[in-house]
C-alpha atoms as a PDB file:
ATOM      1  CA  UNK A   1     -30.213  31.345 -40.973  1.00  0.00           C
ATOM      2  CA  UNK A   2     -33.870  31.442 -41.966  1.00  0.00           C
ATOM      3  CA  UNK A   3     -34.866  28.967 -39.226  1.00  0.00           C
ATOM      4  CA  UNK A   4     -33.011  30.972 -36.597  1.00  0.00           C
ATOM      5  CA  UNK A   5     -34.518  34.259 -37.808  1.00  0.00           C
ATOM      6  CA  UNK A   6     -38.014  32.757 -37.718  1.00  0.00           C
ATOM      7  CA  UNK A   7     -37.547  32.142 -33.991  1.00  0.00           C
ATOM      8  CA  UNK A   8     -36.569  35.755 -33.239  1.00  0.00           C
ATOM      9  CA  UNK A   9     -38.872  38.651 -32.515  1.00  0.00           C
ATOM     10  CA  UNK A  10     -38.631  41.961 -34.392  1.00  0.00           C
ATOM     11  CA  UNK A  11     -35.625  43.949 -33.217  1.00  0.00           C
ATOM     12  CA  UNK A  12     -33.599  40.939 -32.053  1.00  0.00           C
ATOM     13  CA  UNK A  13     -30.197  40.297 -33.640  1.00  0.00           C
ATOM     14  CA  UNK A  14     -28.706  37.084 -35.032  1.00  0.00           C
ATOM     15  CA  UNK A  15     -24.895  36.742 -35.269  1.00  0.00           C
ATOM     16  CA  UNK A  16     -23.506  34.591 -38.083  1.00  0.00           C
ATOM     17  CA  UNK A  17     -19.905  33.528 -38.784  1.00  0.00           C
ATOM     18  CA  UNK A  18     -18.963  32.269 -42.248  1.00  0.00           C
ATOM     19  CA  UNK A  19     -15.853  31.521 -44.276  1.00  0.00           C
ATOM     20  CA  UNK A  20     -17.539  31.444 -47.701  1.00  0.00           C
ATOM     21  CA  UNK A  21     -16.971  34.781 -49.462  1.00  0.00           C
ATOM     22  CA  UNK A  22     -20.256  34.247 -51.324  1.00  0.00           C
ATOM     23  CA  UNK A  23     -22.075  34.747 -48.025  1.00  0.00           C
ATOM     24  CA  UNK A  24     -21.572  38.514 -48.372  1.00  0.00           C
ATOM     25  CA  UNK A  25     -23.836  38.810 -51.398  1.00  0.00           C
ATOM     26  CA  UNK A  26     -26.191  36.012 -50.354  1.00  0.00           C
ATOM     27  CA  UNK A  27     -26.916  37.378 -46.878  1.00  0.00           C
ATOM     28  CA  UNK A  28     -27.121  40.980 -48.103  1.00  0.00           C
ATOM     29  CA  UNK A  29     -29.749  40.064 -50.697  1.00  0.00           C
ATOM     30  CA  UNK A  30     -31.655  37.811 -48.298  1.00  0.00           C
ATOM     31  CA  UNK A  31     -31.707  40.416 -45.503  1.00  0.00           C
ATOM     32  CA  UNK A  32     -32.882  43.133 -47.887  1.00  0.00           C
ATOM     33  CA  UNK A  33     -35.670  40.979 -49.310  1.00  0.00           C
ATOM     34  CA  UNK A  34     -36.910  40.187 -45.787  1.00  0.00           C
ATOM     35  CA  UNK A  35     -36.766  43.776 -44.548  1.00  0.00           C
ATOM     36  CA  UNK A  36     -33.917  43.065 -42.113  1.00  0.00           C
ATOM     37  CA  UNK A  37     -30.857  45.196 -41.316  1.00  0.00           C
ATOM     38  CA  UNK A  38     -27.403  43.720 -41.976  1.00  0.00           C
ATOM     39  CA  UNK A  39     -24.015  44.662 -40.536  1.00  0.00           C
ATOM     40  CA  UNK A  40     -20.826  42.822 -41.446  1.00  0.00           C
ATOM     41  CA  UNK A  41     -17.102  42.747 -40.689  1.00  0.00           C
ATOM     42  CA  UNK A  42     -14.226  40.614 -41.868  1.00  0.00           C
ATOM     43  CA  UNK A  43     -11.593  39.247 -39.494  1.00  0.00           C
ATOM     44  CA  UNK A  44      -8.990  37.279 -41.393  1.00  0.00           C
ATOM     45  CA  UNK A  45     -10.797  34.430 -43.156  1.00  0.00           C
ATOM     46  CA  UNK A  46     -13.937  34.783 -41.044  1.00  0.00           C
ATOM     47  CA  UNK A  47     -16.864  36.934 -42.105  1.00  0.00           C
ATOM     48  CA  UNK A  48     -19.081  38.085 -39.254  1.00  0.00           C
ATOM     49  CA  UNK A  49     -22.642  39.194 -39.856  1.00  0.00           C
ATOM     50  CA  UNK A  50     -25.317  40.625 -37.608  1.00  0.00           C
ATOM     51  CA  UNK A  51     -28.884  40.583 -38.904  1.00  0.00           C
ATOM     52  CA  UNK A  52     -31.475  42.630 -37.028  1.00  0.00           C
ATOM     53  CA  UNK A  53     -34.932  41.223 -37.627  1.00  0.00           C
ATOM     54  CA  UNK A  54     -37.263  43.742 -39.236  1.00  0.00           C
END
């Protein structure tokens, strides 16, 4: 995730799919610490995240 975000410009969005429930807390904390916006949904066993680079 960090490598992909490093390649984006401010305002661009990265979409992430995960099945690990721990990703919710991990990505939320990481996005907040980096000044990014995070949106998330859950579809069955798949967690979908969108991180907008700050």
